Amino acid sequence: MSQYKSIDFSYQEWLFYTLSSIIFFLFYNLICAHSLSKFEFLRTHWNFWRFKNTLISWSHAVIASILFAINVYQMPDLLDDMINVSSKFSYIAICVSKVPLSIIIIFIFSITLSLNRYVGYTTAAISIEFNTVFLHLRFMSVFCNIDKNSLKFRLLSILNLVTFVIFRLLTLCWMTRWIILNRSLIPPVWFTIGSLGLVVMMTINIFLLKRLVQSDFSKEKTIMNGSESTIKKSN
């Protein structure tokens, strides 16, 4: 049995930390918009919007990854008993981590907050943000026309691929295994929602992995990108 106890997280606390996170990222959005408006390559509205949103998502991923690491270090039993074990810090981490994410993730995270259960399971999902850090760094590097044949980009691509496999695919496989093995402990409606969420996330991530491998590790694309960079430099 876990040495840690589960605590209740009130609706008022949930609302306070969620709204605080929203306000923080709205304020950060204004700072990014002001700072990035000075760059020439972001003059078009589409480029500006994409780069700004990616930068904000990258910053969120860094924060969420740090919160995950602290959370698991302070309470390792979160990943043993993923239904009942919780702490105030783990709830705060979930509130902060869910703000800029997709509708599906926000909905699933909100279930945890409303039921005061499955905190460990939701915490495991936050570990995906470790890869998001490198995924967004890669996108911003491409956006800034960094040569894909350069050492720093190749290193970033390898780190992105390794963390993708570990923190996205393997984590989702582990979460799928857990939810199947513990099906009898989960009400049918939450089991169905959790399973559908995993299917959607796994499908998206497999498609994304295929695109990354084709883009960064395909020989034809690497040669083509190298040639394009050479032409740009010569011009």
Protein backbone atom coordinates (compact mmCIF):
# COMPACT_ATOMS: atom_id res chain seq x y z
CA MET A 1 0.00 0.00 0.00
CA SER A 2 1.19 3.51 -0.77
CA GLN A 3 2.65 5.55 2.09
CA TYR A 4 1.04 8.65 0.59
CA LYS A 5 -2.55 9.71 1.07
CA SER A 6 -4.96 11.14 -1.44
CA ILE A 7 -6.13 14.70 -0.85
CA ASP A 8 -9.17 16.51 -2.12
CA PHE A 9 -8.70 19.49 -4.41
CA SER A 10 -11.65 21.86 -4.16
CA TYR A 11 -13.41 23.43 -7.12
CA GLN A 12 -12.31 26.87 -5.92
CA GLU A 13 -8.64 25.78 -5.90
CA TRP A 14 -9.00 24.18 -9.34
CA LEU A 15 -10.56 27.38 -10.70
CA PHE A 16 -7.95 29.63 -9.06
CA TYR A 17 -4.89 27.79 -10.41
CA THR A 18 -6.42 27.26 -13.85
CA LEU A 19 -7.40 30.91 -14.24
CA SER A 20 -4.00 32.00 -12.89
CA SER A 21 -2.33 29.86 -15.55
CA ILE A 22 -4.56 31.28 -18.28
CA ILE A 23 -3.80 34.85 -17.20
CA PHE A 24 -0.08 34.09 -17.08
CA PHE A 25 -0.01 32.68 -20.61
CA LEU A 26 -2.18 35.52 -21.94
CA PHE A 27 0.30 38.00 -20.49
CA TYR A 28 3.19 35.96 -21.88
CA ASN A 29 1.45 35.96 -25.26
CA LEU A 30 1.47 39.77 -25.26
CA ILE A 31 5.17 39.85 -24.38
CA CYS A 32 5.99 37.40 -27.20
CA ALA A 33 3.86 39.35 -29.68
CA HIS A 34 5.69 42.57 -28.85
CA SER A 35 9.16 40.99 -28.92
CA LEU A 36 8.69 39.00 -32.14
CA SER A 37 7.20 41.91 -34.09
CA LYS A 38 10.74 43.25 -34.55
CA PHE A 39 11.93 40.31 -36.66
CA GLU A 40 11.85 40.71 -40.42
CA PHE A 41 11.18 37.03 -41.24
CA LEU A 42 7.95 37.20 -39.19
CA ARG A 43 6.42 40.11 -41.09
CA THR A 44 3.61 38.05 -42.62
CA HIS A 45 0.65 37.36 -40.34
CA TRP A 46 0.81 33.59 -40.89
CA ASN A 47 4.52 33.30 -40.07
CA PHE A 48 4.14 35.54 -37.05
CA TRP A 49 1.16 33.58 -35.70
CA ARG A 50 2.79 30.17 -36.19
CA PHE A 51 6.14 31.11 -34.65
CA LYS A 52 4.56 32.94 -31.70
CA ASN A 53 2.24 30.06 -30.87
CA THR A 54 5.08 27.55 -31.17
CA LEU A 55 7.26 29.63 -28.85
CA ILE A 56 4.45 29.83 -26.27
CA SER A 57 3.82 26.08 -26.54
CA TRP A 58 7.55 25.42 -26.15
CA SER A 59 7.66 27.55 -23.00
CA HIS A 60 4.64 25.71 -21.65
CA ALA A 61 6.31 22.36 -22.38
CA VAL A 62 9.43 23.43 -20.47
CA ILE A 63 7.32 24.45 -17.45
CA ALA A 64 5.22 21.27 -17.58
CA SER A 65 8.33 19.07 -17.85
CA ILE A 66 9.89 20.73 -14.80
CA LEU A 67 6.65 20.34 -12.84
CA PHE A 68 6.46 16.66 -13.84
CA ALA A 69 10.03 15.99 -12.71
CA ILE A 70 9.49 17.73 -9.35
CA ASN A 71 6.15 16.00 -8.90
CA VAL A 72 7.46 12.48 -9.47
CA TYR A 73 10.61 13.16 -7.41
CA GLN A 74 8.53 14.33 -4.45
CA MET A 75 5.91 11.57 -4.78
CA PRO A 76 7.14 8.54 -6.79
CA ASP A 77 4.07 6.54 -5.72
CA LEU A 78 2.04 8.61 -8.16
CA LEU A 79 3.15 6.22 -10.90
CA ASP A 80 2.47 3.13 -8.77
CA ASP A 81 -1.07 3.86 -7.64
CA MET A 82 -2.31 6.00 -10.51
CA ILE A 83 -5.90 6.08 -9.24
CA ASN A 84 -5.82 7.12 -5.59
CA VAL A 85 -2.49 8.78 -4.77
CA SER A 86 -2.37 12.57 -5.09
CA SER A 87 -0.96 15.74 -3.57
CA LYS A 88 -1.74 19.43 -3.79
CA PHE A 89 1.35 19.99 -5.93
CA SER A 90 0.26 17.27 -8.37
CA TYR A 91 -3.12 18.97 -8.80
CA ILE A 92 -1.44 22.35 -9.35
CA ALA A 93 0.85 20.77 -11.95
CA ILE A 94 -2.19 19.42 -13.81
CA CYS A 95 -3.93 22.82 -13.73
CA VAL A 96 -0.86 24.54 -15.16
CA SER A 97 -0.10 21.81 -17.71
CA LYS A 98 -3.56 21.63 -19.27
CA VAL A 99 -3.97 25.31 -20.19
CA PRO A 100 -2.58 25.58 -23.78
CA LEU A 101 -3.22 21.95 -24.77
CA SER A 102 -5.77 20.42 -27.14
CA ILE A 103 -9.47 20.16 -26.31
CA ILE A 104 -9.21 16.38 -25.82
CA ILE A 105 -6.36 16.68 -23.30
CA ILE A 106 -8.05 19.54 -21.45
CA PHE A 107 -11.21 17.45 -21.16
CA ILE A 108 -9.38 14.38 -19.84
CA PHE A 109 -7.31 16.45 -17.39
CA SER A 110 -10.50 18.14 -16.18
CA ILE A 111 -11.99 14.74 -15.35
CA THR A 112 -9.10 14.13 -12.97
CA LEU A 113 -9.57 17.52 -11.33
CA SER A 114 -13.33 17.11 -10.95
CA LEU A 115 -13.19 13.54 -9.60
CA ASN A 116 -10.07 13.95 -7.44
CA ARG A 117 -8.86 10.64 -8.88
CA TYR A 118 -6.52 9.29 -11.59
CA VAL A 119 -3.93 11.95 -10.70
CA GLY A 120 -1.02 9.57 -11.32
CA TYR A 121 -2.42 8.59 -14.71
CA THR A 122 -2.75 12.23 -15.74
CA THR A 123 0.73 12.93 -14.40
CA ALA A 124 2.12 10.20 -16.65
CA ALA A 125 0.50 11.93 -19.63
CA ILE A 126 2.31 15.17 -18.74
CA SER A 127 5.65 13.42 -19.33
CA ILE A 128 4.91 13.72 -23.07
CA GLU A 129 5.89 17.38 -22.72
CA PHE A 130 9.55 16.31 -22.46
CA ASN A 131 9.44 15.53 -26.16
CA THR A 132 7.36 18.60 -26.97
CA VAL A 133 10.34 20.71 -25.87
CA PHE A 134 12.52 19.20 -28.62
CA LEU A 135 9.67 18.95 -31.12
CA HIS A 136 9.02 22.70 -30.98
CA LEU A 137 12.72 23.51 -30.95
CA ARG A 138 13.02 21.57 -34.18
CA PHE A 139 10.13 23.47 -35.74
CA MET A 140 11.57 26.84 -34.75
CA SER A 141 14.97 25.80 -36.12
CA VAL A 142 13.42 24.92 -39.48
CA PHE A 143 11.49 28.17 -39.40
CA CYS A 144 14.75 30.09 -38.90
CA ASN A 145 16.29 28.29 -41.93
CA ILE A 146 18.93 26.42 -39.95
CA ASP A 147 20.73 23.98 -42.25
CA LYS A 148 19.33 20.48 -41.73
CA ASN A 149 22.77 19.02 -42.46
CA SER A 150 24.44 21.04 -39.71
CA LEU A 151 25.69 19.28 -36.58
CA LYS A 152 23.40 21.16 -34.20
CA PHE A 153 20.30 20.34 -36.25
CA ARG A 154 21.27 16.67 -36.59
CA LEU A 155 21.81 16.48 -32.83
CA LEU A 156 18.45 18.15 -32.22
CA SER A 157 16.79 15.69 -34.63
CA ILE A 158 18.27 12.71 -32.78
CA LEU A 159 17.21 14.06 -29.38
CA ASN A 160 13.76 14.76 -30.78
CA LEU A 161 13.43 11.22 -32.15
CA VAL A 162 14.71 9.55 -28.96
CA THR A 163 12.43 11.56 -26.66
CA PHE A 164 9.55 11.02 -29.09
CA VAL A 165 9.87 7.25 -28.84
CA ILE A 166 10.39 7.26 -25.05
CA PHE A 167 7.97 9.94 -23.86
CA ARG A 168 5.29 9.65 -26.51
CA LEU A 169 5.08 6.15 -27.98
CA LEU A 170 6.37 4.10 -25.04
CA THR A 171 4.50 6.23 -22.50
CA LEU A 172 1.25 5.87 -24.44
CA CYS A 173 1.84 2.10 -24.75
CA TRP A 174 2.46 1.88 -20.99
CA MET A 175 -0.69 3.92 -20.28
CA THR A 176 -2.69 1.68 -22.62
CA ARG A 177 -1.39 -1.44 -20.86
CA TRP A 178 -2.23 0.06 -17.47
CA ILE A 179 -5.79 1.04 -18.37
CA ILE A 180 -6.47 -2.45 -19.77
CA LEU A 181 -5.03 -4.26 -16.74
CA ASN A 182 -6.96 -2.01 -14.35
CA ARG A 183 -10.21 -1.96 -16.27
CA SER A 184 -12.13 -3.52 -13.38
CA LEU A 185 -11.17 -0.57 -11.14
CA ILE A 186 -12.40 2.09 -13.57
CA PRO A 187 -16.07 2.96 -14.22
CA PRO A 188 -17.09 2.05 -17.81
CA VAL A 189 -17.70 5.66 -18.88
CA TRP A 190 -14.23 6.83 -17.77
CA PHE A 191 -12.62 3.71 -19.22
CA THR A 192 -14.26 4.44 -22.58
CA ILE A 193 -13.22 8.11 -22.55
CA GLY A 194 -9.66 7.24 -21.54
CA SER A 195 -9.39 4.52 -24.19
CA LEU A 196 -10.70 6.77 -26.96
CA GLY A 197 -8.27 9.49 -25.89
CA LEU A 198 -5.38 7.04 -26.09
CA VAL A 199 -6.44 5.86 -29.55
CA VAL A 200 -6.62 9.43 -30.85
CA MET A 201 -3.27 10.38 -29.30
CA MET A 202 -1.53 7.23 -30.54
CA THR A 203 -2.86 7.72 -34.08
CA ILE A 204 -1.73 11.35 -34.18
CA ASN A 205 1.70 10.51 -32.79
CA ILE A 206 2.33 7.63 -35.20
CA PHE A 207 1.48 9.92 -38.11
CA LEU A 208 3.71 12.65 -36.66
CA LEU A 209 6.60 10.21 -36.14
CA LYS A 210 6.34 9.08 -39.77
CA ARG A 211 6.58 12.69 -40.96
CA LEU A 212 9.56 13.41 -38.71
CA VAL A 213 11.50 10.37 -39.88
CA GLN A 214 10.78 11.14 -43.52
CA SER A 215 11.77 14.78 -43.07
CA ASP A 216 14.90 14.42 -40.91
CA PHE A 217 16.28 10.97 -41.67
CA SER A 218 15.35 10.32 -45.31
CA LYS A 219 18.52 10.49 -47.46
CA GLU A 220 16.74 12.08 -50.41
CA LYS A 221 15.28 14.84 -48.26
CA THR A 222 18.61 15.44 -46.51
CA ILE A 223 20.40 15.87 -49.85
CA MET A 224 17.62 18.12 -51.13
CA ASN A 225 17.71 20.29 -48.01
CA GLY A 226 21.48 20.55 -48.24
CA SER A 227 21.24 21.65 -51.85
CA GLU A 228 18.59 24.25 -51.01
CA SER A 229 20.77 25.65 -48.22
CA THR A 230 23.75 25.89 -50.59
CA ILE A 231 21.66 27.75 -53.17
CA LYS A 232 20.36 30.17 -50.53
CA LYS A 233 23.89 30.91 -49.29
CA SER A 234 25.20 31.44 -52.80
CA ASN A 235 22.39 33.90 -53.50
